[in-house]
Amino acid sequence: MKLAIVIEIRLWELDKNLELTTKDIFDILCQEYQLNADSIETALSCKCPFALTGFLKELENSELTEYLDC
């Protein structure tokens, strides 16, 4: 999924900032890409940005709409 790749690139950019926690990065990614952080956190049982990218890669395009904040 193209969105997952774009988010993964952004994740690595944010991960270079030592002041950000993984939870901060998760929240930033969800906000920047209009993802519903609460729904994704529930599905993952955590706020891990690395799990987020893996989760998005596994989703079918039709399933993605369930996790958008639009």
C-alpha atoms as a PDB file:
ATOM      1  CA  MET A   1       0.000   0.000   0.000  1.00  0.00           C
ATOM      2  CA  LYS A   2       1.421   3.337  -1.068  1.00  0.00           C
ATOM      3  CA  LEU A   3       0.235   5.231   2.013  1.00  0.00           C
ATOM      4  CA  ALA A   4       2.068   2.815   4.305  1.00  0.00           C
ATOM      5  CA  ILE A   5       5.330   3.443   2.463  1.00  0.00           C
ATOM      6  CA  VAL A   6       4.937   7.221   2.663  1.00  0.00           C
ATOM      7  CA  ILE A   7       4.154   6.980   6.373  1.00  0.00           C
ATOM      8  CA  GLU A   8       7.116   4.680   6.939  1.00  0.00           C
ATOM      9  CA  ILE A   9       9.460   7.217   5.331  1.00  0.00           C
ATOM     10  CA  ARG A  10       8.038   9.949   7.545  1.00  0.00           C
ATOM     11  CA  LEU A  11       8.387   7.662  10.567  1.00  0.00           C
ATOM     12  CA  TRP A  12      12.124   7.310   9.983  1.00  0.00           C
ATOM     13  CA  GLU A  13      12.430  11.097   9.639  1.00  0.00           C
ATOM     14  CA  LEU A  14      10.636  11.641  12.940  1.00  0.00           C
ATOM     15  CA  ASP A  15      12.535   8.843  14.653  1.00  0.00           C
ATOM     16  CA  LYS A  16      15.763  10.820  14.226  1.00  0.00           C
ATOM     17  CA  ASN A  17      14.420  13.409  16.678  1.00  0.00           C
ATOM     18  CA  LEU A  18      15.583  12.087  20.034  1.00  0.00           C
ATOM     19  CA  GLU A  19      13.115  14.299  21.891  1.00  0.00           C
ATOM     20  CA  LEU A  20      10.093  12.457  20.472  1.00  0.00           C
ATOM     21  CA  THR A  21       8.779   9.300  22.098  1.00  0.00           C
ATOM     22  CA  THR A  22       7.274   6.508  20.023  1.00  0.00           C
ATOM     23  CA  LYS A  23       3.844   7.571  21.298  1.00  0.00           C
ATOM     24  CA  ASP A  24       4.524  11.134  20.118  1.00  0.00           C
ATOM     25  CA  ILE A  25       5.536   9.840  16.694  1.00  0.00           C
ATOM     26  CA  PHE A  26       2.406   7.667  16.504  1.00  0.00           C
ATOM     27  CA  ASP A  27       0.207  10.682  17.288  1.00  0.00           C
ATOM     28  CA  ILE A  28       2.058  12.906  14.800  1.00  0.00           C
ATOM     29  CA  LEU A  29       1.738  10.350  12.007  1.00  0.00           C
ATOM     30  CA  CYS A  30      -1.961   9.841  12.656  1.00  0.00           C
ATOM     31  CA  GLN A  31      -2.547  13.586  12.692  1.00  0.00           C
ATOM     32  CA  GLU A  32      -0.473  14.321   9.573  1.00  0.00           C
ATOM     33  CA  TYR A  33      -2.114  11.568   7.524  1.00  0.00           C
ATOM     34  CA  GLN A  34      -5.631  12.017   8.936  1.00  0.00           C
ATOM     35  CA  LEU A  35      -5.755   8.579  10.525  1.00  0.00           C
ATOM     36  CA  ASN A  36      -8.084   7.810  13.403  1.00  0.00           C
ATOM     37  CA  ALA A  37      -5.551   7.258  16.183  1.00  0.00           C
ATOM     38  CA  ASP A  38      -8.109   5.837  18.623  1.00  0.00           C
ATOM     39  CA  SER A  39      -9.349   3.160  16.203  1.00  0.00           C
ATOM     40  CA  ILE A  40      -5.824   2.179  15.232  1.00  0.00           C
ATOM     41  CA  GLU A  41      -4.655   2.108  18.840  1.00  0.00           C
ATOM     42  CA  THR A  42      -7.578  -0.183  19.673  1.00  0.00           C
ATOM     43  CA  ALA A  43      -6.756  -2.484  16.749  1.00  0.00           C
ATOM     44  CA  LEU A  44      -3.061  -2.613  17.658  1.00  0.00           C
ATOM     45  CA  SER A  45      -3.462  -2.484  21.462  1.00  0.00           C
ATOM     46  CA  CYS A  46      -0.598   0.021  21.517  1.00  0.00           C
ATOM     47  CA  LYS A  47       0.644   3.368  20.193  1.00  0.00           C
ATOM     48  CA  CYS A  48       3.656   2.076  18.298  1.00  0.00           C
ATOM     49  CA  PRO A  49       4.479   3.828  15.014  1.00  0.00           C
ATOM     50  CA  PHE A  50       6.403   0.789  13.790  1.00  0.00           C
ATOM     51  CA  ALA A  51       3.363  -1.428  14.367  1.00  0.00           C
ATOM     52  CA  LEU A  52       1.274   1.239  12.626  1.00  0.00           C
ATOM     53  CA  THR A  53       3.214   0.937   9.383  1.00  0.00           C
ATOM     54  CA  GLY A  54       3.047  -2.855   9.463  1.00  0.00           C
ATOM     55  CA  PHE A  55      -0.676  -2.689  10.176  1.00  0.00           C
ATOM     56  CA  LEU A  56      -1.301  -0.343   7.246  1.00  0.00           C
ATOM     57  CA  LYS A  57       0.712  -2.566   4.895  1.00  0.00           C
ATOM     58  CA  GLU A  58      -1.575  -5.488   5.750  1.00  0.00           C
ATOM     59  CA  LEU A  59      -4.821  -3.596   5.143  1.00  0.00           C
ATOM     60  CA  GLU A  60      -6.732  -3.880   1.915  1.00  0.00           C
ATOM     61  CA  ASN A  61      -7.579  -0.532   0.304  1.00  0.00           C
ATOM     62  CA  SER A  62     -11.246  -1.008   1.167  1.00  0.00           C
ATOM     63  CA  GLU A  63     -10.376  -1.555   4.850  1.00  0.00           C
ATOM     64  CA  LEU A  64      -8.339   1.651   5.097  1.00  0.00           C
ATOM     65  CA  THR A  65     -11.448   3.855   5.114  1.00  0.00           C
ATOM     66  CA  GLU A  66     -12.351   2.425   8.546  1.00  0.00           C
ATOM     67  CA  TYR A  67      -9.215   4.065   9.957  1.00  0.00           C
ATOM     68  CA  LEU A  68      -9.360   7.450   8.253  1.00  0.00           C
ATOM     69  CA  ASP A  69     -10.395  10.509  10.229  1.00  0.00           C
ATOM     70  CA  CYS A  70     -12.211  12.158   7.341  1.00  0.00           C
END
